[in-house]
Amino acid sequence: MSRLILASASPRRLDLLARIGVVPDAVDPADLDETPLKAERPPAHAGRLAAAKAELVAARHPDAYVLGADTVVGAGIRILPKAEDEATARRCLTLLSGRRHRVHSAVTLVAPDGTARHRISTSIVAFKVLTPAEIDAYLAGGEWHGKAGGYAIQGAAEAYVRFLSGSHSGVVGLPLFETRALLGSAGLLG
């Protein structure tokens, strides 16, 4: 049986893979610059990063399949950052309050022969209008740290989502329908 390497240290991605009965043989996160290119749109950014992560890790594991993923929150054509500090998370939540946004979750599977397969999931999420007290309470919980757009839908932020069209798992960070299709097409599912 072929080996599968996950090019991500995300515990959420490991949990999501487990839901479809997949346990990677190893986890080897890619460390690369995730700065958007000039005029890069959110879906293209997600796709480029998922592919770059998978290809970078595939070079270290030439005998294995490598799965890379990236999730990007877009407000219009704007790519929202991964919140590394409270001020950034507050700006993201304030921007997303009361409006719809898109979450693009891309996956790439690189085969041992170097062939790459790609899929992307785009979901629409709408938050209720958030009061300053709700934003403060959410920020105090800390789950926003390192999250695209400053929130984690699988946590307390889910209580503020008034509408979701698309893939819940994609918003979390790994679209299971698309991932299962990629793994199945490579013969990696039992």
N, C-alpha and C. Protein backbone atom coordinates (compact mmCIF):
# COMPACT_ATOMS: atom_id res chain seq x y z
N MET A 1 0.85 -1.20 0.00
CA MET A 1 0.00 0.00 0.00
C MET A 1 0.88 1.24 0.00
N SER A 2 0.47 2.25 -0.71
CA SER A 2 1.23 3.49 -0.80
C SER A 2 1.14 4.28 0.48
N ARG A 3 2.19 5.00 0.76
CA ARG A 3 2.23 5.86 1.94
C ARG A 3 1.55 7.19 1.63
N LEU A 4 0.92 7.78 2.66
CA LEU A 4 0.29 9.08 2.53
C LEU A 4 0.89 10.01 3.57
N ILE A 5 1.38 11.15 3.11
CA ILE A 5 1.96 12.17 3.98
C ILE A 5 1.04 13.38 3.97
N LEU A 6 0.71 13.91 5.13
CA LEU A 6 -0.07 15.14 5.23
C LEU A 6 0.90 16.31 5.39
N ALA A 7 0.83 17.25 4.45
CA ALA A 7 1.73 18.40 4.45
C ALA A 7 1.13 19.53 5.30
N SER A 8 0.74 19.20 6.52
CA SER A 8 0.12 20.17 7.42
C SER A 8 0.23 19.67 8.85
N ALA A 9 0.48 20.58 9.76
CA ALA A 9 0.52 20.23 11.18
C ALA A 9 -0.82 20.49 11.86
N SER A 10 -1.84 20.82 11.08
CA SER A 10 -3.14 21.18 11.64
C SER A 10 -3.83 19.99 12.28
N PRO A 11 -4.11 20.06 13.58
CA PRO A 11 -4.85 18.97 14.22
C PRO A 11 -6.27 18.85 13.65
N ARG A 12 -6.83 19.96 13.18
CA ARG A 12 -8.18 19.92 12.59
C ARG A 12 -8.17 19.09 11.31
N ARG A 13 -7.13 19.23 10.51
CA ARG A 13 -7.06 18.45 9.26
C ARG A 13 -6.91 16.95 9.58
N LEU A 14 -6.13 16.63 10.60
CA LEU A 14 -6.01 15.21 11.00
C LEU A 14 -7.36 14.67 11.46
N ASP A 15 -8.08 15.45 12.26
CA ASP A 15 -9.40 15.03 12.74
C ASP A 15 -10.38 14.84 11.57
N LEU A 16 -10.33 15.76 10.61
CA LEU A 16 -11.23 15.66 9.46
C LEU A 16 -10.91 14.43 8.62
N LEU A 17 -9.62 14.15 8.40
CA LEU A 17 -9.25 12.95 7.65
C LEU A 17 -9.75 11.69 8.37
N ALA A 18 -9.65 11.69 9.69
CA ALA A 18 -10.10 10.53 10.47
C ALA A 18 -11.59 10.28 10.26
N ARG A 19 -12.37 11.33 10.02
CA ARG A 19 -13.81 11.17 9.78
C ARG A 19 -14.11 10.33 8.55
N ILE A 20 -13.17 10.34 7.58
CA ILE A 20 -13.37 9.53 6.38
C ILE A 20 -12.47 8.29 6.40
N GLY A 21 -11.99 7.96 7.59
CA GLY A 21 -11.22 6.74 7.77
C GLY A 21 -9.80 6.78 7.27
N VAL A 22 -9.24 7.98 7.15
CA VAL A 22 -7.88 8.13 6.64
C VAL A 22 -6.95 8.59 7.75
N VAL A 23 -5.88 7.83 7.96
CA VAL A 23 -4.84 8.21 8.92
C VAL A 23 -3.54 8.28 8.13
N PRO A 24 -2.97 9.48 7.98
CA PRO A 24 -1.72 9.59 7.23
C PRO A 24 -0.60 8.78 7.89
N ASP A 25 0.33 8.31 7.07
CA ASP A 25 1.48 7.58 7.59
C ASP A 25 2.44 8.52 8.31
N ALA A 26 2.42 9.79 7.92
CA ALA A 26 3.29 10.79 8.56
C ALA A 26 2.69 12.17 8.34
N VAL A 27 3.10 13.09 9.21
CA VAL A 27 2.75 14.50 9.09
C VAL A 27 4.06 15.25 8.91
N ASP A 28 4.17 15.99 7.82
CA ASP A 28 5.38 16.75 7.52
C ASP A 28 4.95 18.12 7.01
N PRO A 29 4.79 19.08 7.92
CA PRO A 29 4.28 20.39 7.49
C PRO A 29 5.25 21.13 6.58
N ALA A 30 4.67 21.78 5.60
CA ALA A 30 5.45 22.63 4.70
C ALA A 30 5.61 23.99 5.37
N ASP A 31 6.78 24.54 5.28
CA ASP A 31 7.03 25.87 5.83
C ASP A 31 7.34 26.78 4.65
N LEU A 32 6.36 27.59 4.26
CA LEU A 32 6.59 28.47 3.12
C LEU A 32 5.93 29.82 3.35
N ASP A 33 6.35 30.77 2.55
CA ASP A 33 5.81 32.13 2.63
C ASP A 33 4.39 32.11 2.08
N GLU A 34 3.43 32.52 2.90
CA GLU A 34 2.03 32.50 2.48
C GLU A 34 1.52 33.88 2.08
N THR A 35 2.42 34.80 1.82
CA THR A 35 2.03 36.15 1.42
C THR A 35 1.35 36.10 0.05
N PRO A 36 0.18 36.72 -0.06
CA PRO A 36 -0.48 36.74 -1.37
C PRO A 36 0.36 37.48 -2.41
N LEU A 37 0.27 37.02 -3.65
CA LEU A 37 0.93 37.72 -4.75
C LEU A 37 0.12 38.96 -5.10
N LYS A 38 0.75 39.91 -5.74
CA LYS A 38 0.06 41.14 -6.13
C LYS A 38 -1.13 40.80 -7.02
N ALA A 39 -2.28 41.32 -6.67
CA ALA A 39 -3.55 41.15 -7.39
C ALA A 39 -4.06 39.71 -7.38
N GLU A 40 -3.52 38.85 -6.51
CA GLU A 40 -3.99 37.47 -6.43
C GLU A 40 -5.37 37.42 -5.76
N ARG A 41 -6.29 36.72 -6.36
CA ARG A 41 -7.65 36.58 -5.81
C ARG A 41 -7.66 35.45 -4.78
N PRO A 42 -8.62 35.47 -3.86
CA PRO A 42 -8.66 34.44 -2.80
C PRO A 42 -8.66 32.99 -3.30
N PRO A 43 -9.46 32.59 -4.29
CA PRO A 43 -9.42 31.17 -4.69
C PRO A 43 -8.08 30.78 -5.31
N ALA A 44 -7.49 31.66 -6.10
CA ALA A 44 -6.19 31.38 -6.71
C ALA A 44 -5.11 31.26 -5.63
N HIS A 45 -5.21 32.10 -4.62
CA HIS A 45 -4.25 32.07 -3.50
C HIS A 45 -4.33 30.73 -2.77
N ALA A 46 -5.54 30.29 -2.47
CA ALA A 46 -5.71 29.00 -1.77
C ALA A 46 -5.16 27.86 -2.62
N GLY A 47 -5.48 27.86 -3.90
CA GLY A 47 -5.00 26.81 -4.79
C GLY A 47 -3.50 26.80 -4.93
N ARG A 48 -2.91 27.98 -5.06
CA ARG A 48 -1.45 28.07 -5.20
C ARG A 48 -0.76 27.55 -3.95
N LEU A 49 -1.25 27.93 -2.77
CA LEU A 49 -0.61 27.50 -1.53
C LEU A 49 -0.78 26.00 -1.28
N ALA A 50 -1.95 25.45 -1.56
CA ALA A 50 -2.15 24.00 -1.38
C ALA A 50 -1.18 23.23 -2.27
N ALA A 51 -1.05 23.67 -3.52
CA ALA A 51 -0.13 23.00 -4.46
C ALA A 51 1.32 23.16 -4.02
N ALA A 52 1.69 24.36 -3.60
CA ALA A 52 3.08 24.61 -3.19
C ALA A 52 3.44 23.78 -1.96
N LYS A 53 2.53 23.67 -1.02
CA LYS A 53 2.79 22.86 0.18
C LYS A 53 2.98 21.39 -0.19
N ALA A 54 2.08 20.87 -1.03
CA ALA A 54 2.17 19.46 -1.42
C ALA A 54 3.45 19.19 -2.20
N GLU A 55 3.80 20.08 -3.11
CA GLU A 55 5.00 19.88 -3.93
C GLU A 55 6.28 19.98 -3.10
N LEU A 56 6.31 20.91 -2.16
CA LEU A 56 7.49 21.07 -1.30
C LEU A 56 7.72 19.81 -0.47
N VAL A 57 6.66 19.28 0.12
CA VAL A 57 6.79 18.08 0.95
C VAL A 57 7.02 16.84 0.09
N ALA A 58 6.44 16.79 -1.11
CA ALA A 58 6.63 15.65 -2.01
C ALA A 58 8.11 15.50 -2.37
N ALA A 59 8.83 16.60 -2.47
CA ALA A 59 10.26 16.52 -2.78
C ALA A 59 11.03 15.82 -1.67
N ARG A 60 10.50 15.87 -0.45
CA ARG A 60 11.14 15.19 0.69
C ARG A 60 10.70 13.74 0.84
N HIS A 61 9.61 13.37 0.16
CA HIS A 61 9.05 12.02 0.25
C HIS A 61 8.71 11.52 -1.16
N PRO A 62 9.71 11.28 -1.99
CA PRO A 62 9.43 10.94 -3.39
C PRO A 62 8.70 9.62 -3.60
N ASP A 63 8.65 8.77 -2.58
CA ASP A 63 7.99 7.47 -2.70
C ASP A 63 6.55 7.47 -2.19
N ALA A 64 6.04 8.64 -1.82
CA ALA A 64 4.73 8.70 -1.15
C ALA A 64 3.78 9.64 -1.88
N TYR A 65 2.51 9.48 -1.55
CA TYR A 65 1.50 10.47 -1.93
C TYR A 65 1.55 11.57 -0.87
N VAL A 66 1.40 12.81 -1.29
CA VAL A 66 1.43 13.93 -0.35
C VAL A 66 0.18 14.77 -0.56
N LEU A 67 -0.51 15.03 0.56
CA LEU A 67 -1.73 15.83 0.54
C LEU A 67 -1.44 17.20 1.15
N GLY A 68 -1.65 18.24 0.37
CA GLY A 68 -1.49 19.62 0.85
C GLY A 68 -2.82 20.32 0.83
N ALA A 69 -3.01 21.27 1.72
CA ALA A 69 -4.29 22.00 1.79
C ALA A 69 -4.05 23.43 2.25
N ASP A 70 -4.95 24.30 1.86
CA ASP A 70 -4.93 25.66 2.36
C ASP A 70 -6.35 26.22 2.34
N THR A 71 -6.64 27.03 3.33
CA THR A 71 -7.96 27.65 3.44
C THR A 71 -7.80 29.16 3.52
N VAL A 72 -8.56 29.86 2.70
CA VAL A 72 -8.47 31.32 2.61
C VAL A 72 -9.86 31.91 2.78
N VAL A 73 -9.95 32.92 3.62
CA VAL A 73 -11.20 33.66 3.78
C VAL A 73 -11.11 34.92 2.92
N GLY A 74 -12.10 35.08 2.06
CA GLY A 74 -12.13 36.24 1.18
C GLY A 74 -13.35 37.10 1.43
N ALA A 75 -13.12 38.39 1.53
CA ALA A 75 -14.21 39.37 1.63
C ALA A 75 -14.14 40.18 0.34
N GLY A 76 -15.01 39.87 -0.60
CA GLY A 76 -14.88 40.45 -1.93
C GLY A 76 -13.61 39.89 -2.56
N ILE A 77 -12.75 40.77 -3.08
CA ILE A 77 -11.48 40.31 -3.65
C ILE A 77 -10.35 40.36 -2.62
N ARG A 78 -10.68 40.77 -1.41
CA ARG A 78 -9.68 40.90 -0.35
C ARG A 78 -9.42 39.55 0.32
N ILE A 79 -8.15 39.23 0.50
CA ILE A 79 -7.75 38.03 1.23
C ILE A 79 -7.54 38.44 2.69
N LEU A 80 -8.32 37.84 3.59
CA LEU A 80 -8.15 38.15 5.00
C LEU A 80 -6.99 37.33 5.56
N PRO A 81 -6.24 37.92 6.48
CA PRO A 81 -5.06 37.22 7.01
C PRO A 81 -5.42 36.15 8.03
N LYS A 82 -4.43 35.30 8.33
CA LYS A 82 -4.54 34.43 9.49
C LYS A 82 -4.24 35.33 10.67
N ALA A 83 -5.13 35.34 11.63
CA ALA A 83 -4.98 36.26 12.77
C ALA A 83 -3.91 35.74 13.72
N GLU A 84 -2.84 36.49 13.83
CA GLU A 84 -1.76 36.13 14.76
C GLU A 84 -1.77 37.02 16.01
N ASP A 85 -2.59 38.07 15.98
CA ASP A 85 -2.72 38.93 17.16
C ASP A 85 -4.17 39.38 17.27
N GLU A 86 -4.53 39.83 18.46
CA GLU A 86 -5.92 40.17 18.74
C GLU A 86 -6.42 41.32 17.87
N ALA A 87 -5.56 42.29 17.59
CA ALA A 87 -5.98 43.43 16.78
C ALA A 87 -6.38 42.98 15.37
N THR A 88 -5.63 42.05 14.80
CA THR A 88 -5.96 41.53 13.47
C THR A 88 -7.27 40.76 13.52
N ALA A 89 -7.44 39.92 14.52
CA ALA A 89 -8.70 39.17 14.67
C ALA A 89 -9.88 40.13 14.81
N ARG A 90 -9.72 41.19 15.58
CA ARG A 90 -10.79 42.17 15.78
C ARG A 90 -11.15 42.84 14.45
N ARG A 91 -10.13 43.22 13.67
CA ARG A 91 -10.39 43.85 12.37
C ARG A 91 -11.16 42.88 11.45
N CYS A 92 -10.75 41.62 11.43
CA CYS A 92 -11.43 40.63 10.60
C CYS A 92 -12.88 40.47 11.02
N LEU A 93 -13.12 40.28 12.30
CA LEU A 93 -14.49 40.06 12.79
C LEU A 93 -15.37 41.29 12.56
N THR A 94 -14.80 42.47 12.72
CA THR A 94 -15.55 43.71 12.47
C THR A 94 -15.93 43.80 11.00
N LEU A 95 -15.01 43.43 10.13
CA LEU A 95 -15.28 43.45 8.69
C LEU A 95 -16.34 42.42 8.32
N LEU A 96 -16.29 41.23 8.91
CA LEU A 96 -17.21 40.15 8.57
C LEU A 96 -18.59 40.29 9.23
N SER A 97 -18.69 41.11 10.25
CA SER A 97 -19.94 41.29 10.98
C SER A 97 -21.08 41.70 10.06
N GLY A 98 -22.15 40.88 10.06
CA GLY A 98 -23.35 41.24 9.32
C GLY A 98 -23.26 41.05 7.82
N ARG A 99 -22.18 40.42 7.34
CA ARG A 99 -22.06 40.28 5.89
C ARG A 99 -21.64 38.88 5.49
N ARG A 100 -21.84 38.60 4.23
CA ARG A 100 -21.41 37.31 3.66
C ARG A 100 -19.95 37.40 3.24
N HIS A 101 -19.28 36.27 3.33
CA HIS A 101 -17.92 36.16 2.81
C HIS A 101 -17.75 34.76 2.25
N ARG A 102 -16.66 34.56 1.54
CA ARG A 102 -16.39 33.25 0.94
C ARG A 102 -15.18 32.61 1.61
N VAL A 103 -15.25 31.31 1.77
CA VAL A 103 -14.13 30.54 2.30
C VAL A 103 -13.72 29.55 1.21
N HIS A 104 -12.49 29.68 0.75
CA HIS A 104 -11.95 28.84 -0.31
C HIS A 104 -10.99 27.84 0.34
N SER A 105 -11.27 26.57 0.17
CA SER A 105 -10.44 25.53 0.76
C SER A 105 -9.95 24.63 -0.37
N ALA A 106 -8.64 24.68 -0.62
CA ALA A 106 -8.04 23.95 -1.73
C ALA A 106 -7.26 22.75 -1.21
N VAL A 107 -7.28 21.67 -1.99
CA VAL A 107 -6.49 20.48 -1.68
C VAL A 107 -5.74 20.05 -2.93
N THR A 108 -4.51 19.59 -2.72
CA THR A 108 -3.69 19.05 -3.80
C THR A 108 -3.12 17.72 -3.33
N LEU A 109 -3.17 16.73 -4.22
CA LEU A 109 -2.56 15.44 -3.94
C LEU A 109 -1.48 15.21 -4.99
N VAL A 110 -0.24 15.06 -4.52
CA VAL A 110 0.88 14.78 -5.42
C VAL A 110 1.23 13.30 -5.29
N ALA A 111 1.26 12.61 -6.43
CA ALA A 111 1.58 11.18 -6.48
C ALA A 111 3.09 10.97 -6.52
N PRO A 112 3.55 9.75 -6.22
CA PRO A 112 4.98 9.47 -6.29
C PRO A 112 5.61 9.78 -7.65
N ASP A 113 4.83 9.71 -8.72
CA ASP A 113 5.38 10.02 -10.05
C ASP A 113 5.38 11.52 -10.35
N GLY A 114 4.94 12.34 -9.37
CA GLY A 114 4.93 13.79 -9.53
C GLY A 114 3.63 14.35 -10.07
N THR A 115 2.70 13.49 -10.47
CA THR A 115 1.40 13.95 -10.95
C THR A 115 0.64 14.62 -9.81
N ALA A 116 0.08 15.78 -10.09
CA ALA A 116 -0.68 16.51 -9.06
C ALA A 116 -2.15 16.59 -9.47
N ARG A 117 -3.01 16.33 -8.50
CA ARG A 117 -4.46 16.49 -8.69
C ARG A 117 -4.91 17.59 -7.74
N HIS A 118 -5.83 18.42 -8.21
CA HIS A 118 -6.27 19.58 -7.43
C HIS A 118 -7.79 19.63 -7.34
N ARG A 119 -8.27 20.11 -6.21
CA ARG A 119 -9.70 20.38 -6.03
C ARG A 119 -9.81 21.64 -5.15
N ILE A 120 -10.92 22.35 -5.32
CA ILE A 120 -11.18 23.51 -4.45
C ILE A 120 -12.66 23.54 -4.10
N SER A 121 -12.92 23.92 -2.87
CA SER A 121 -14.28 24.07 -2.38
C SER A 121 -14.47 25.54 -2.01
N THR A 122 -15.57 26.11 -2.45
CA THR A 122 -15.89 27.49 -2.07
C THR A 122 -17.22 27.48 -1.34
N SER A 123 -17.20 28.00 -0.13
CA SER A 123 -18.40 28.08 0.70
C SER A 123 -18.72 29.54 0.98
N ILE A 124 -19.99 29.81 1.15
CA ILE A 124 -20.43 31.17 1.52
C ILE A 124 -20.89 31.11 2.96
N VAL A 125 -20.35 32.03 3.76
CA VAL A 125 -20.67 32.11 5.18
C VAL A 125 -21.16 33.52 5.47
N ALA A 126 -22.20 33.62 6.28
CA ALA A 126 -22.68 34.95 6.71
C ALA A 126 -22.77 34.97 8.22
N PHE A 127 -22.16 35.99 8.80
CA PHE A 127 -22.25 36.22 10.24
C PHE A 127 -23.42 37.14 10.53
N LYS A 128 -24.00 36.99 11.71
CA LYS A 128 -24.96 37.96 12.20
C LYS A 128 -24.20 39.26 12.46
N VAL A 129 -24.90 40.33 12.70
CA VAL A 129 -24.24 41.57 13.11
C VAL A 129 -23.70 41.33 14.52
N LEU A 130 -22.40 41.45 14.66
CA LEU A 130 -21.75 41.19 15.95
C LEU A 130 -21.68 42.47 16.77
N THR A 131 -22.10 42.38 18.01
CA THR A 131 -21.98 43.54 18.91
C THR A 131 -20.54 43.63 19.40
N PRO A 132 -20.12 44.79 19.85
CA PRO A 132 -18.77 44.90 20.41
C PRO A 132 -18.55 43.91 21.56
N ALA A 133 -19.58 43.67 22.37
CA ALA A 133 -19.46 42.72 23.48
C ALA A 133 -19.26 41.29 22.97
N GLU A 134 -19.95 40.93 21.88
CA GLU A 134 -19.76 39.59 21.30
C GLU A 134 -18.36 39.42 20.74
N ILE A 135 -17.86 40.45 20.08
CA ILE A 135 -16.49 40.39 19.55
C ILE A 135 -15.50 40.27 20.70
N ASP A 136 -15.68 41.07 21.74
CA ASP A 136 -14.78 41.00 22.91
C ASP A 136 -14.80 39.60 23.54
N ALA A 137 -15.98 39.04 23.69
CA ALA A 137 -16.11 37.71 24.31
C ALA A 137 -15.45 36.66 23.44
N TYR A 138 -15.64 36.75 22.13
CA TYR A 138 -15.02 35.78 21.24
C TYR A 138 -13.49 35.89 21.29
N LEU A 139 -13.01 37.10 21.27
CA LEU A 139 -11.55 37.30 21.31
C LEU A 139 -10.96 36.79 22.62
N ALA A 140 -11.70 36.96 23.70
CA ALA A 140 -11.21 36.51 25.02
C ALA A 140 -11.00 34.99 25.05
N GLY A 141 -11.75 34.25 24.22
CA GLY A 141 -11.62 32.80 24.19
C GLY A 141 -10.34 32.31 23.53
N GLY A 142 -9.75 33.13 22.66
CA GLY A 142 -8.46 32.81 22.06
C GLY A 142 -8.47 31.83 20.89
N GLU A 143 -9.63 31.27 20.54
CA GLU A 143 -9.61 30.26 19.47
C GLU A 143 -9.36 30.87 18.09
N TRP A 144 -9.38 32.17 17.98
CA TRP A 144 -9.13 32.87 16.73
C TRP A 144 -7.66 32.80 16.30
N HIS A 145 -6.77 32.52 17.22
CA HIS A 145 -5.34 32.59 16.94
C HIS A 145 -4.92 31.63 15.82
N GLY A 146 -4.28 32.19 14.80
CA GLY A 146 -3.80 31.39 13.68
C GLY A 146 -4.86 30.99 12.69
N LYS A 147 -6.07 31.50 12.84
CA LYS A 147 -7.18 31.11 11.97
C LYS A 147 -7.40 32.14 10.85
N ALA A 148 -7.61 31.63 9.65
CA ALA A 148 -7.92 32.49 8.52
C ALA A 148 -9.18 33.28 8.82
N GLY A 149 -9.12 34.58 8.62
CA GLY A 149 -10.27 35.44 8.87
C GLY A 149 -10.56 35.70 10.34
N GLY A 150 -9.72 35.16 11.23
CA GLY A 150 -9.86 35.44 12.66
C GLY A 150 -10.94 34.66 13.38
N TYR A 151 -11.41 33.54 12.79
CA TYR A 151 -12.41 32.76 13.51
C TYR A 151 -12.28 31.27 13.18
N ALA A 152 -12.84 30.46 14.08
CA ALA A 152 -12.90 29.01 13.89
C ALA A 152 -14.37 28.61 13.91
N ILE A 153 -14.90 28.20 12.76
CA ILE A 153 -16.33 27.87 12.69
C ILE A 153 -16.67 26.66 13.55
N GLN A 154 -15.69 25.80 13.81
CA GLN A 154 -15.95 24.60 14.62
C GLN A 154 -15.97 24.92 16.12
N GLY A 155 -15.79 26.17 16.47
CA GLY A 155 -15.81 26.56 17.88
C GLY A 155 -16.95 27.51 18.17
N ALA A 156 -16.68 28.45 19.06
CA ALA A 156 -17.71 29.39 19.51
C ALA A 156 -18.26 30.27 18.40
N ALA A 157 -17.47 30.51 17.36
CA ALA A 157 -17.92 31.38 16.27
C ALA A 157 -19.12 30.80 15.53
N GLU A 158 -19.31 29.49 15.61
CA GLU A 158 -20.44 28.88 14.91
C GLU A 158 -21.77 29.46 15.38
N ALA A 159 -21.83 29.93 16.60
CA ALA A 159 -23.07 30.51 17.14
C ALA A 159 -23.41 31.84 16.46
N TYR A 160 -22.44 32.43 15.73
CA TYR A 160 -22.67 33.71 15.05
C TYR A 160 -22.95 33.53 13.56
N VAL A 161 -22.89 32.29 13.08
CA VAL A 161 -23.10 32.02 11.65
C VAL A 161 -24.60 31.87 11.41
N ARG A 162 -25.15 32.82 10.64
CA ARG A 162 -26.58 32.76 10.34
C ARG A 162 -26.87 32.06 9.03
N PHE A 163 -25.83 31.83 8.23
CA PHE A 163 -26.01 31.20 6.93
C PHE A 163 -24.71 30.54 6.50
N LEU A 164 -24.83 29.32 5.98
CA LEU A 164 -23.67 28.63 5.41
C LEU A 164 -24.14 27.85 4.20
N SER A 165 -23.52 28.11 3.07
CA SER A 165 -23.80 27.37 1.85
C SER A 165 -22.48 26.79 1.37
N GLY A 166 -22.41 25.47 1.34
CA GLY A 166 -21.17 24.85 0.90
C GLY A 166 -20.71 23.79 1.88
N SER A 167 -19.42 23.72 2.07
CA SER A 167 -18.79 22.66 2.86
C SER A 167 -18.39 23.14 4.25
N HIS A 168 -19.06 22.61 5.27
CA HIS A 168 -18.66 22.95 6.64
C HIS A 168 -17.22 22.52 6.88
N SER A 169 -16.86 21.30 6.44
CA SER A 169 -15.49 20.83 6.66
C SER A 169 -14.49 21.69 5.89
N GLY A 170 -14.90 22.22 4.74
CA GLY A 170 -14.04 23.13 3.99
C GLY A 170 -13.76 24.40 4.76
N VAL A 171 -14.77 24.92 5.44
CA VAL A 171 -14.58 26.13 6.25
C VAL A 171 -13.67 25.82 7.44
N VAL A 172 -13.77 24.61 7.97
CA VAL A 172 -12.88 24.20 9.07
C VAL A 172 -11.44 24.10 8.58
N GLY A 173 -11.25 23.64 7.33
CA GLY A 173 -9.89 23.60 6.81
C GLY A 173 -9.55 22.46 5.87
N LEU A 174 -10.50 21.55 5.62
CA LEU A 174 -10.24 20.46 4.67
C LEU A 174 -11.59 19.97 4.12
N PRO A 175 -11.91 20.32 2.88
CA PRO A 175 -13.21 19.90 2.33
C PRO A 175 -13.22 18.39 2.10
N LEU A 176 -14.02 17.69 2.88
CA LEU A 176 -13.99 16.22 2.85
C LEU A 176 -14.49 15.63 1.55
N PHE A 177 -15.49 16.21 0.93
CA PHE A 177 -15.98 15.67 -0.34
C PHE A 177 -14.87 15.69 -1.38
N GLU A 178 -14.21 16.84 -1.53
CA GLU A 178 -13.14 16.99 -2.51
C GLU A 178 -11.92 16.14 -2.15
N THR A 179 -11.60 16.08 -0.87
CA THR A 179 -10.45 15.29 -0.42
C THR A 179 -10.69 13.81 -0.67
N ARG A 180 -11.88 13.34 -0.35
CA ARG A 180 -12.22 11.93 -0.57
C ARG A 180 -12.15 11.61 -2.05
N ALA A 181 -12.61 12.53 -2.92
CA ALA A 181 -12.56 12.31 -4.36
C ALA A 181 -11.11 12.18 -4.84
N LEU A 182 -10.24 13.05 -4.34
CA LEU A 182 -8.82 12.97 -4.72
C LEU A 182 -8.19 11.67 -4.27
N LEU A 183 -8.41 11.31 -3.03
CA LEU A 183 -7.81 10.08 -2.49
C LEU A 183 -8.39 8.85 -3.19
N GLY A 184 -9.67 8.87 -3.47
CA GLY A 184 -10.30 7.75 -4.16
C GLY A 184 -9.77 7.59 -5.58
N SER A 185 -9.58 8.71 -6.28
CA SER A 185 -9.10 8.63 -7.67
C SER A 185 -7.67 8.10 -7.72
N ALA A 186 -6.93 8.22 -6.62
CA ALA A 186 -5.56 7.71 -6.55
C ALA A 186 -5.52 6.29 -6.00
N GLY A 187 -6.69 5.72 -5.67
CA GLY A 187 -6.74 4.37 -5.13
C GLY A 187 -6.29 4.27 -3.68
N LEU A 188 -6.40 5.38 -2.95
CA LEU A 188 -5.92 5.40 -1.56
C LEU A 188 -7.01 5.14 -0.53
N LEU A 189 -8.23 4.90 -0.98
CA LEU A 189 -9.31 4.59 -0.04
C LEU A 189 -9.65 3.11 -0.15
N GLY A 190 -9.90 2.52 1.03
CA GLY A 190 -10.20 1.09 1.04
C GLY A 190 -11.57 0.75 0.59
